[in-house]
């Protein structure tokens, strides 16, 4: 609580100073953002990230527009008109500033581009009109650029907003709030046990970061690719189902990346879950909003297409094949599913994947009437994870289907025993939907290390 109060007081003081000195609060916001980028340590939820996390949602939406305009000035200080087109928009929107604001934006662009001490910026009196922190930012960016690190501010801005988004929750939706022109209008529905329990503003921090990375030079470089791998995996691992826009932006830059294609398939596969589908049919959204969830069959079609594209780029992508087989099985195409799952089962790299392979292939063999093969696969899954209940549930259902009522009873009794001994569950079946993002933590470490290595 004390930290929160300090943060609120910090911004209240900034705005009060703006009013006292007739400085435009819109420009103050951009300056404070640039200073947060300067001081933020990628991979940390530090003081700079915490300050940005406590900005009002309306300020963040305005920043999502102004940051793009600033990036255009960083490319060319002579720009006078600023246009913005979001993903999915057919026409551009003009971002409007007063002449005085444009001049201040040019000064800020000088610092953000690391050229405040070059002739064009010196003529604008940057050394007199920029404070010490902004001049420090200029020097850091200039040193990074001299060392071959292009677009220092854009990259670190994306990392700042990713760190905030991965450390905090969005604000509760306010139907009276009206975002500025050009800002993204999105809400997030929280789902628990197939019910929507809260509606939040969408992840505005991702909306700020993505457009900045789209103009990083060179387009689609290794840092940007790793950023998307990391953040999309985090979304999968946390059940944060807002990755469709995220992956669409990523695939515009990396259309043949097998990892992104795989994660796209996993996202659509997750959206076909009964719990998500139940919410899609019953959720009460604010006027003018709609849930980005299609029907179960449509989501499965999308998932299949993504997994096939991933395999076309990387035929040895084990998990894409495994999940393709599961999707085919759930779509009623058991013979095709069995073919894919047999290949996956033979190539499973670890116990977790061997477990999923055995369970899914067991389902496919059962659907094809190969009951002995199915039972052997369910038994194998049980051996891999002895405390898992799902293999015993599957064996019980299979035994009942075969007319073996004694075997069905024995297996289901084992389920109840395990439920009593391990009430929290030790069954990978229950974490399958987030397993696609299980490398998120390792990827984040790799991404953070990349920034640390390149610190000027």
Protein backbone atom coordinates (compact mmCIF):
# COMPACT_ATOMS: atom_id res chain seq x y z
CA UNK A 1 0.00 0.00 0.00
CA UNK A 2 2.82 2.40 0.83
CA UNK A 3 4.38 1.84 -2.58
CA UNK A 4 1.10 2.47 -4.33
CA UNK A 5 0.61 5.75 -2.52
CA UNK A 6 4.13 6.83 -3.41
CA UNK A 7 3.50 6.10 -7.05
CA UNK A 8 0.25 8.00 -7.10
CA UNK A 9 1.89 10.92 -5.38
CA UNK A 10 4.71 10.86 -7.95
CA UNK A 11 2.32 11.31 -10.82
CA UNK A 12 0.19 13.80 -8.98
CA UNK A 13 3.30 15.88 -8.45
CA UNK A 14 4.25 15.60 -12.10
CA UNK A 15 0.86 16.76 -13.26
CA UNK A 16 0.79 19.55 -10.71
CA UNK A 17 4.15 20.71 -12.00
CA UNK A 18 2.78 20.58 -15.53
CA UNK A 19 -0.15 22.75 -14.59
CA UNK A 20 1.99 25.22 -12.65
CA UNK A 21 4.47 25.67 -15.48
CA UNK A 22 1.90 25.52 -18.26
CA UNK A 23 3.55 22.37 -19.63
CA UNK A 24 1.18 20.16 -21.56
CA UNK A 25 0.27 17.02 -19.51
CA UNK A 26 0.25 15.04 -22.75
CA UNK A 27 3.90 15.86 -23.26
CA UNK A 28 4.67 15.15 -19.60
CA UNK A 29 3.24 11.68 -20.07
CA UNK A 30 5.54 10.95 -23.01
CA UNK A 31 8.55 12.32 -21.12
CA UNK A 32 7.83 10.15 -18.10
CA UNK A 33 7.46 7.14 -20.40
CA UNK A 34 10.87 7.80 -21.96
CA UNK A 35 12.42 8.12 -18.51
CA UNK A 36 10.85 4.83 -17.45
CA UNK A 37 12.41 3.20 -20.53
CA UNK A 38 15.77 4.66 -19.53
CA UNK A 39 15.67 3.30 -15.98
CA UNK A 40 13.89 -0.04 -16.51
CA UNK A 41 15.90 -3.25 -16.25
CA UNK A 42 14.42 -5.77 -18.73
CA UNK A 43 13.00 -8.84 -17.05
CA UNK A 44 12.31 -7.02 -13.76
CA UNK A 45 9.20 -5.50 -12.24
CA UNK A 46 11.23 -2.60 -10.90
CA UNK A 47 10.31 0.92 -9.84
CA UNK A 48 10.13 2.16 -13.43
CA UNK A 49 7.81 -0.68 -14.44
CA UNK A 50 5.70 -0.18 -11.33
CA UNK A 51 5.19 3.49 -12.17
CA UNK A 52 3.93 2.62 -15.64
CA UNK A 53 1.75 -0.17 -14.22
CA UNK A 54 -0.15 2.37 -12.12
CA UNK A 55 -0.91 4.76 -14.94
CA UNK A 56 -4.65 5.18 -15.54
CA UNK A 57 -5.94 3.13 -18.42
CA UNK A 58 -6.93 6.23 -20.36
CA UNK A 59 -3.38 7.54 -20.17
CA UNK A 60 -2.04 4.23 -21.48
CA UNK A 61 -4.48 4.28 -24.37
CA UNK A 62 -3.42 7.81 -25.25
CA UNK A 63 0.22 6.70 -25.02
CA UNK A 64 -0.46 3.82 -27.42
CA UNK A 65 -1.24 6.47 -30.04
CA UNK A 66 1.41 9.03 -29.12
CA UNK A 67 4.23 6.45 -28.96
CA UNK A 68 3.67 5.59 -32.61
CA UNK A 69 3.73 9.27 -33.54
CA UNK A 70 6.97 9.73 -31.60
CA UNK A 71 8.53 6.77 -33.43
CA UNK A 72 7.70 8.43 -36.74
CA UNK A 73 9.51 11.57 -35.63
CA UNK A 74 12.47 9.48 -34.50
CA UNK A 75 12.78 8.38 -38.12
CA UNK A 76 12.31 11.86 -39.59
CA UNK A 77 12.16 15.07 -37.53
CA UNK A 78 10.51 16.88 -40.42
CA UNK A 79 7.26 14.91 -40.16
CA UNK A 80 4.24 17.16 -39.56
CA UNK A 81 1.35 14.75 -40.04
CA UNK A 82 1.01 11.51 -38.09
CA UNK A 83 -1.00 8.58 -39.32
CA UNK A 84 -1.86 5.42 -37.43
CA UNK A 85 -3.35 2.18 -38.71
CA UNK A 86 -3.95 -0.63 -36.28
CA UNK A 87 -3.94 -4.29 -37.23
CA UNK A 88 -7.23 -5.11 -38.91
CA UNK A 89 -8.05 -1.48 -39.76
CA UNK A 90 -8.55 -0.75 -43.45
CA UNK A 91 -7.94 2.99 -43.26
CA UNK A 92 -5.42 5.10 -41.43
CA UNK A 93 -6.35 7.56 -38.71
CA UNK A 94 -4.66 10.89 -38.26
CA UNK A 95 -3.11 11.63 -34.86
CA UNK A 96 -3.54 15.31 -34.09
CA UNK A 97 -1.18 17.55 -32.12
CA UNK A 98 -1.04 21.30 -31.65
CA UNK A 99 1.96 23.06 -33.27
CA UNK A 100 3.48 23.54 -29.82
CA UNK A 101 3.08 19.83 -29.07
CA UNK A 102 4.73 18.87 -32.34
CA UNK A 103 7.76 21.01 -31.50
CA UNK A 104 8.05 19.42 -28.08
CA UNK A 105 7.66 15.97 -29.65
CA UNK A 106 10.59 16.77 -31.96
CA UNK A 107 12.76 17.54 -28.95
CA UNK A 108 11.75 14.27 -27.31
CA UNK A 109 12.38 12.41 -30.55
CA UNK A 110 15.92 13.86 -30.59
CA UNK A 111 16.62 12.26 -27.21
CA UNK A 112 14.86 8.99 -28.06
CA UNK A 113 16.82 8.66 -31.30
CA UNK A 114 20.13 9.56 -29.64
CA UNK A 115 20.71 12.60 -31.83
CA UNK A 116 20.06 15.44 -29.35
CA UNK A 117 23.68 16.61 -29.68
CA UNK A 118 23.70 16.56 -33.45
CA UNK A 119 23.30 19.72 -35.51
CA UNK A 120 19.60 19.43 -36.46
CA UNK A 121 18.64 18.96 -32.83
CA UNK A 122 21.07 21.46 -31.36
CA UNK A 123 19.44 24.12 -33.52
CA UNK A 124 16.24 23.33 -31.61
CA UNK A 125 18.06 24.11 -28.34
CA UNK A 126 17.94 20.55 -27.04
CA UNK A 127 20.68 21.20 -24.49
CA UNK A 128 18.57 23.95 -22.94
CA UNK A 129 15.09 22.45 -23.29
CA UNK A 130 15.73 18.82 -22.32
CA UNK A 131 16.36 17.93 -18.70
CA UNK A 132 19.28 15.85 -17.45
CA UNK A 133 17.42 12.52 -17.58
CA UNK A 134 16.39 13.01 -21.19
CA UNK A 135 19.94 14.02 -22.09
CA UNK A 136 21.13 10.89 -20.28
CA UNK A 137 18.72 8.86 -22.39
CA UNK A 138 20.16 10.51 -25.49
CA UNK A 139 23.70 9.53 -24.50
CA UNK A 140 22.71 5.91 -23.80
CA UNK A 141 20.90 5.61 -27.12
CA UNK A 142 23.78 7.24 -29.01
CA UNK A 143 26.25 4.78 -27.45
CA UNK A 144 23.98 1.83 -28.29
CA UNK A 145 23.59 3.00 -31.88
CA UNK A 146 27.34 3.46 -32.25
CA UNK A 147 27.71 -0.13 -31.06
CA UNK A 148 25.32 -1.42 -33.70
CA UNK A 149 22.20 -1.60 -31.53
CA UNK A 150 19.50 0.06 -33.62
CA UNK A 151 16.17 1.25 -32.21
CA UNK A 152 17.25 1.04 -28.59
CA UNK A 153 14.19 2.88 -27.26
CA UNK A 154 11.68 0.88 -29.30
CA UNK A 155 13.11 -2.46 -28.19
CA UNK A 156 13.30 -1.48 -24.53
CA UNK A 157 9.84 0.05 -24.63
CA UNK A 158 8.48 -3.29 -25.83
CA UNK A 159 10.33 -5.05 -23.02
CA UNK A 160 9.08 -2.56 -20.43
CA UNK A 161 5.45 -3.08 -21.41
CA UNK A 162 5.88 -6.85 -21.61
CA UNK A 163 7.30 -6.87 -18.08
CA UNK A 164 4.37 -4.80 -16.85
CA UNK A 165 1.79 -6.96 -18.65
CA UNK A 166 3.31 -10.16 -17.29
CA UNK A 167 3.37 -8.79 -13.74
CA UNK A 168 -0.02 -7.13 -13.34
CA UNK A 169 -3.69 -7.46 -14.19
CA UNK A 170 -5.73 -5.09 -16.34
CA UNK A 171 -8.13 -2.61 -14.82
CA UNK A 172 -11.78 -3.53 -14.38
CA UNK A 173 -13.90 -2.44 -17.33
CA UNK A 174 -15.65 0.91 -17.02
CA UNK A 175 -18.51 1.27 -19.48
CA UNK A 176 -18.34 5.07 -19.16
CA UNK A 177 -14.72 5.22 -20.29
CA UNK A 178 -14.17 6.53 -23.80
CA UNK A 179 -10.73 5.78 -25.26
CA UNK A 180 -9.06 8.39 -27.51
CA UNK A 181 -9.33 8.22 -31.28
CA UNK A 182 -7.02 5.59 -32.71
CA UNK A 183 -6.73 3.67 -29.43
CA UNK A 184 -7.54 -0.02 -29.30
CA UNK A 185 -10.93 -0.87 -27.78
CA UNK A 186 -10.76 -4.29 -26.14
CA UNK A 187 -11.90 -6.06 -22.99
CA UNK A 188 -10.81 -9.34 -21.43
CA UNK A 189 -13.19 -11.84 -19.84
CA UNK A 190 -11.89 -13.85 -16.91
CA UNK A 191 -13.09 -17.47 -16.98
CA UNK A 192 -13.28 -19.87 -14.05
CA UNK A 193 -14.90 -23.31 -14.36
CA UNK A 194 -16.73 -22.33 -17.51
CA UNK A 195 -18.15 -19.09 -16.06
CA UNK A 196 -17.16 -15.51 -16.73
CA UNK A 197 -16.29 -13.97 -13.36
CA UNK A 198 -15.03 -10.51 -14.36
CA UNK A 199 -14.53 -8.27 -17.37
CA UNK A 200 -11.31 -6.29 -17.71
CA UNK A 201 -9.82 -3.78 -20.06
CA UNK A 202 -7.77 -5.58 -22.66
CA UNK A 203 -4.02 -5.84 -22.33
CA UNK A 204 -3.15 -2.32 -23.39
CA UNK A 205 0.55 -2.88 -22.73
CA UNK A 206 0.72 -5.43 -25.55
CA UNK A 207 -1.08 -2.93 -27.79
CA UNK A 208 1.62 -0.37 -27.06
CA UNK A 209 4.53 -2.77 -27.61
CA UNK A 210 3.57 -4.50 -30.85
CA UNK A 211 3.44 -1.50 -33.21
CA UNK A 212 6.84 -0.36 -31.94
CA UNK A 213 8.44 -3.71 -32.73
CA UNK A 214 6.96 -3.73 -36.22
CA UNK A 215 9.22 -0.80 -37.16
CA UNK A 216 12.40 -2.05 -35.49
CA UNK A 217 15.34 -2.24 -37.90
CA UNK A 218 16.02 -4.69 -39.41
CA UNK A 219 12.44 -5.87 -39.54
CA UNK A 220 11.95 -9.21 -37.88
CA UNK A 221 15.37 -9.54 -36.25
CA UNK A 222 16.32 -12.19 -33.65
CA UNK A 223 15.42 -10.06 -30.62
CA UNK A 224 11.93 -9.39 -31.97
CA UNK A 225 11.41 -13.08 -32.78
CA UNK A 226 12.55 -14.13 -29.30
CA UNK A 227 10.30 -11.46 -27.74
CA UNK A 228 7.30 -12.95 -29.56
CA UNK A 229 8.29 -16.54 -28.71
CA UNK A 230 8.61 -15.56 -25.05
CA UNK A 231 5.47 -13.50 -24.67
CA UNK A 232 3.23 -15.83 -26.71
CA UNK A 233 4.51 -18.79 -24.67
CA UNK A 234 3.77 -16.86 -21.48
CA UNK A 235 0.21 -16.27 -22.67
CA UNK A 236 -0.20 -20.00 -23.27
CA UNK A 237 1.35 -20.93 -19.93
CA UNK A 238 -0.92 -18.59 -17.98
CA UNK A 239 -4.12 -19.25 -19.91
CA UNK A 240 -4.07 -15.62 -21.01
CA UNK A 241 -6.19 -16.05 -24.14
CA UNK A 242 -5.46 -12.75 -25.85
CA UNK A 243 -2.75 -14.11 -28.07
CA UNK A 244 -4.65 -14.11 -31.37
CA UNK A 245 -3.80 -10.46 -32.09
CA UNK A 246 -0.36 -11.09 -30.65
CA UNK A 247 0.33 -14.04 -32.94
CA UNK A 248 -1.17 -12.28 -35.96
CA UNK A 249 1.32 -9.45 -35.46
CA UNK A 250 4.15 -11.93 -34.98
CA UNK A 251 3.28 -13.91 -38.11
CA UNK A 252 3.21 -10.78 -40.23
CA UNK A 253 6.90 -10.47 -39.40
CA UNK A 254 7.73 -14.19 -39.29
CA UNK A 255 5.15 -15.97 -41.50
CA UNK A 256 7.07 -19.25 -41.66
CA UNK A 257 8.22 -19.57 -38.08
CA UNK A 258 7.23 -23.04 -36.88
CA UNK A 259 7.11 -22.06 -33.20
CA UNK A 260 4.68 -19.21 -33.78
CA UNK A 261 2.54 -21.38 -36.05
CA UNK A 262 2.51 -24.08 -33.39
CA UNK A 263 1.48 -21.60 -30.69
CA UNK A 264 -1.26 -20.32 -32.98
CA UNK A 265 -2.62 -23.84 -33.29
CA UNK A 266 -2.42 -24.36 -29.54
CA UNK A 267 -4.36 -21.14 -28.94
CA UNK A 268 -7.22 -22.15 -31.25
CA UNK A 269 -7.18 -25.62 -29.73
CA UNK A 270 -7.60 -24.04 -26.29
CA UNK A 271 -10.46 -21.83 -27.47
CA UNK A 272 -12.36 -24.97 -28.49
CA UNK A 273 -12.38 -26.15 -24.86
CA UNK A 274 -15.86 -26.73 -23.41
CA UNK A 275 -15.24 -24.17 -20.64
CA UNK A 276 -14.36 -21.45 -23.16
CA UNK A 277 -17.20 -22.39 -25.46
CA UNK A 278 -19.68 -22.24 -22.57
CA UNK A 279 -18.61 -18.68 -21.75
CA UNK A 280 -18.76 -17.68 -25.42
CA UNK A 281 -22.43 -18.66 -25.47
CA UNK A 282 -23.39 -16.93 -22.23
CA UNK A 283 -21.05 -13.99 -21.58
CA UNK A 284 -22.62 -10.58 -21.02
CA UNK A 285 -20.39 -8.07 -22.82
CA UNK A 286 -20.64 -4.28 -22.93
CA UNK A 287 -22.46 -2.85 -25.96
CA UNK A 288 -20.37 -2.86 -29.14
CA UNK A 289 -18.02 -5.64 -28.03
CA UNK A 290 -17.86 -9.25 -29.13
CA UNK A 291 -15.85 -12.22 -27.91
CA UNK A 292 -13.05 -13.33 -30.24
CA UNK A 293 -14.09 -16.98 -29.97
CA UNK A 294 -15.55 -18.99 -32.83
CA UNK A 295 -17.57 -22.19 -32.61
CA UNK A 296 -15.87 -25.36 -31.39
CA UNK A 297 -15.64 -26.78 -34.89
CA UNK A 298 -14.33 -23.53 -36.37
CA UNK A 299 -11.64 -23.30 -33.67
CA UNK A 300 -10.61 -26.90 -34.35
CA UNK A 301 -10.38 -26.15 -38.09
CA UNK A 302 -8.10 -23.19 -37.34
CA UNK A 303 -6.00 -25.30 -34.98
CA UNK A 304 -5.59 -28.05 -37.57
CA UNK A 305 -4.55 -25.54 -40.23
CA UNK A 306 -1.93 -23.96 -37.94
CA UNK A 307 -0.48 -27.31 -36.88
CA UNK A 308 -0.22 -28.43 -40.51
CA UNK A 309 1.55 -25.19 -41.42
CA UNK A 310 3.97 -25.69 -38.53
CA UNK A 311 4.73 -29.23 -39.70
CA UNK A 312 5.21 -28.01 -43.27
CA UNK A 313 7.98 -25.74 -41.96
CA UNK A 314 9.36 -28.20 -39.41
CA UNK A 315 8.32 -31.84 -40.10
CA UNK A 316 10.08 -33.00 -36.92
CA UNK A 317 8.06 -30.67 -34.67
CA UNK A 318 6.86 -33.40 -32.33
CA UNK A 319 4.31 -31.43 -30.36
CA UNK A 320 2.64 -29.95 -33.43
CA UNK A 321 2.09 -33.51 -34.68
CA UNK A 322 0.83 -34.65 -31.28
CA UNK A 323 -1.69 -31.82 -31.07
CA UNK A 324 -2.71 -32.27 -34.69
CA UNK A 325 -3.52 -35.89 -33.89
CA UNK A 326 -5.61 -34.87 -30.89
CA UNK A 327 -7.53 -32.29 -32.90
CA UNK A 328 -8.25 -34.84 -35.63
CA UNK A 329 -9.47 -37.29 -32.98
CA UNK A 330 -11.80 -34.71 -31.46
CA UNK A 331 -13.11 -33.89 -34.94
CA UNK A 332 -14.09 -37.54 -35.38
CA UNK A 333 -11.34 -38.44 -37.86
CA UNK A 334 -9.99 -41.35 -35.85
CA UNK A 335 -8.04 -43.11 -38.59
CA UNK A 336 -6.13 -39.94 -39.56
CA UNK A 337 -5.62 -39.18 -35.89
CA UNK A 338 -4.16 -42.62 -35.22
CA UNK A 339 -1.66 -42.23 -38.07
CA UNK A 340 -0.38 -38.92 -36.70
CA UNK A 341 -0.40 -40.09 -33.09
CA UNK A 342 1.49 -43.30 -33.86
CA UNK A 343 4.25 -41.19 -35.41
CA UNK A 344 4.17 -38.87 -32.41
CA UNK A 345 4.17 -41.74 -29.94
CA UNK A 346 7.31 -43.19 -31.49
CA UNK A 347 9.15 -39.86 -31.25
CA UNK A 348 8.00 -38.60 -27.82
CA UNK A 349 11.06 -36.92 -26.22
CA UNK A 350 10.20 -37.03 -22.51
CA UNK A 351 7.79 -38.50 -19.98
CA UNK A 352 5.30 -35.64 -20.27
CA UNK A 353 5.01 -36.00 -24.03
CA UNK A 354 5.02 -39.81 -23.76
CA UNK A 355 2.08 -39.51 -21.37
CA UNK A 356 0.06 -37.31 -23.69
CA UNK A 357 0.96 -39.50 -26.67
CA UNK A 358 -0.17 -42.66 -24.87
CA UNK A 359 -3.45 -41.12 -23.72
CA UNK A 360 -4.37 -39.62 -27.10
CA UNK A 361 -3.27 -42.62 -29.14
CA UNK A 362 -5.17 -44.82 -26.69
CA UNK A 363 -8.28 -42.79 -27.47
CA UNK A 364 -7.70 -43.17 -31.20
CA UNK A 365 -7.16 -46.94 -30.93
CA UNK A 366 -10.28 -47.22 -28.82
CA UNK A 367 -12.28 -45.29 -31.41
CA UNK A 368 -11.02 -47.72 -34.06
CA UNK A 369 -12.07 -50.73 -31.97
CA UNK A 370 -8.52 -51.76 -31.04
CA UNK A 371 -9.36 -52.23 -27.37
CA UNK A 372 -6.32 -54.25 -26.31
CA UNK A 373 -3.96 -51.70 -27.86
CA UNK A 374 -5.89 -48.89 -26.19
CA UNK A 375 -5.73 -50.54 -22.77
CA UNK A 376 -1.99 -51.11 -23.12
CA UNK A 377 -1.49 -47.43 -23.94
CA UNK A 378 -3.57 -46.27 -20.97
CA UNK A 379 -1.56 -48.62 -18.73
CA UNK A 380 1.65 -47.13 -20.10
CA UNK A 381 0.43 -43.63 -19.27
CA UNK A 382 -0.36 -44.79 -15.72
CA UNK A 383 3.17 -46.18 -15.37
CA UNK A 384 4.66 -42.86 -16.44
CA UNK A 385 2.59 -40.90 -13.90
CA UNK A 386 1.49 -43.36 -11.19
CA UNK A 387 -0.57 -40.78 -9.28
CA UNK A 388 -2.52 -39.60 -12.33
CA UNK A 389 -6.23 -40.41 -12.27
CA UNK A 390 -7.04 -39.97 -15.98
CA UNK A 391 -5.53 -43.27 -17.22
CA UNK A 392 -7.66 -45.18 -14.71
CA UNK A 393 -10.77 -43.26 -15.77
CA UNK A 394 -9.98 -44.19 -19.37
CA UNK A 395 -9.35 -47.85 -18.49
CA UNK A 396 -12.60 -48.01 -16.53
CA UNK A 397 -14.61 -46.60 -19.41
CA UNK A 398 -12.87 -48.95 -21.84
CA UNK A 399 -13.54 -51.99 -19.62
CA UNK A 400 -17.20 -51.07 -19.30
CA UNK A 401 -17.42 -50.62 -23.05
CA UNK A 402 -15.90 -54.12 -23.46
CA UNK A 403 -18.39 -55.64 -21.02
CA UNK A 404 -15.81 -56.13 -18.25
CA UNK A 405 -17.77 -54.66 -15.34
CA UNK A 406 -15.35 -56.03 -12.73
CA UNK A 407 -12.40 -54.38 -14.47
CA UNK A 408 -14.36 -51.15 -14.80
CA UNK A 409 -15.08 -51.14 -11.05
CA UNK A 410 -11.47 -51.90 -10.14
CA UNK A 411 -10.17 -49.01 -12.23
CA UNK A 412 -12.69 -46.50 -10.94
CA UNK A 413 -11.97 -47.52 -7.34
CA UNK A 414 -8.34 -46.69 -8.03
CA UNK A 415 -9.43 -43.25 -9.20
CA UNK A 416 -11.13 -42.59 -5.86
CA UNK A 417 -8.08 -43.82 -3.96
CA UNK A 418 -5.82 -41.43 -5.85
CA UNK A 419 -8.26 -38.57 -5.39
CA UNK A 420 -8.07 -39.07 -1.63
CA UNK A 421 -4.29 -39.41 -1.53
CA UNK A 422 -3.53 -36.57 -3.93
CA UNK A 423 -6.41 -34.07 -3.71
CA UNK A 424 -4.45 -31.43 -5.63
CA UNK A 425 -3.85 -33.87 -8.47
CA UNK A 426 -0.62 -35.03 -10.05
CA UNK A 427 -2.03 -35.55 -13.50
CA UNK A 428 -0.63 -33.82 -16.62
CA UNK A 429 -4.06 -34.22 -18.21
CA UNK A 430 -5.28 -31.19 -16.31
CA UNK A 431 -2.46 -28.94 -17.50
CA UNK A 432 -2.50 -29.94 -21.16
CA UNK A 433 -4.03 -26.63 -22.28
CA UNK A 434 -1.17 -24.60 -20.81
CA UNK A 435 1.60 -27.10 -21.55
CA UNK A 436 2.34 -25.50 -24.93
CA UNK A 437 3.83 -22.54 -23.05
CA UNK A 438 5.92 -24.51 -20.58
CA UNK A 439 9.19 -23.03 -21.96
CA UNK A 440 8.11 -19.47 -21.18
CA UNK A 441 10.32 -19.04 -18.12
CA UNK A 442 13.43 -20.31 -19.89
CA UNK A 443 12.68 -18.12 -22.90
CA UNK A 444 12.27 -15.08 -20.65
CA UNK A 445 15.66 -15.77 -19.10
CA UNK A 446 17.18 -15.96 -22.58
CA UNK A 447 15.50 -12.74 -23.68
CA UNK A 448 16.57 -10.90 -20.53
CA UNK A 449 20.12 -12.11 -20.98
CA UNK A 450 20.12 -10.75 -24.53
CA UNK A 451 19.31 -7.27 -23.20
CA UNK A 452 21.91 -7.54 -20.45
CA UNK A 453 24.59 -8.49 -22.94
CA UNK A 454 23.80 -5.45 -25.07
CA UNK A 455 23.65 -2.88 -22.30
CA UNK A 456 25.81 0.06 -23.49
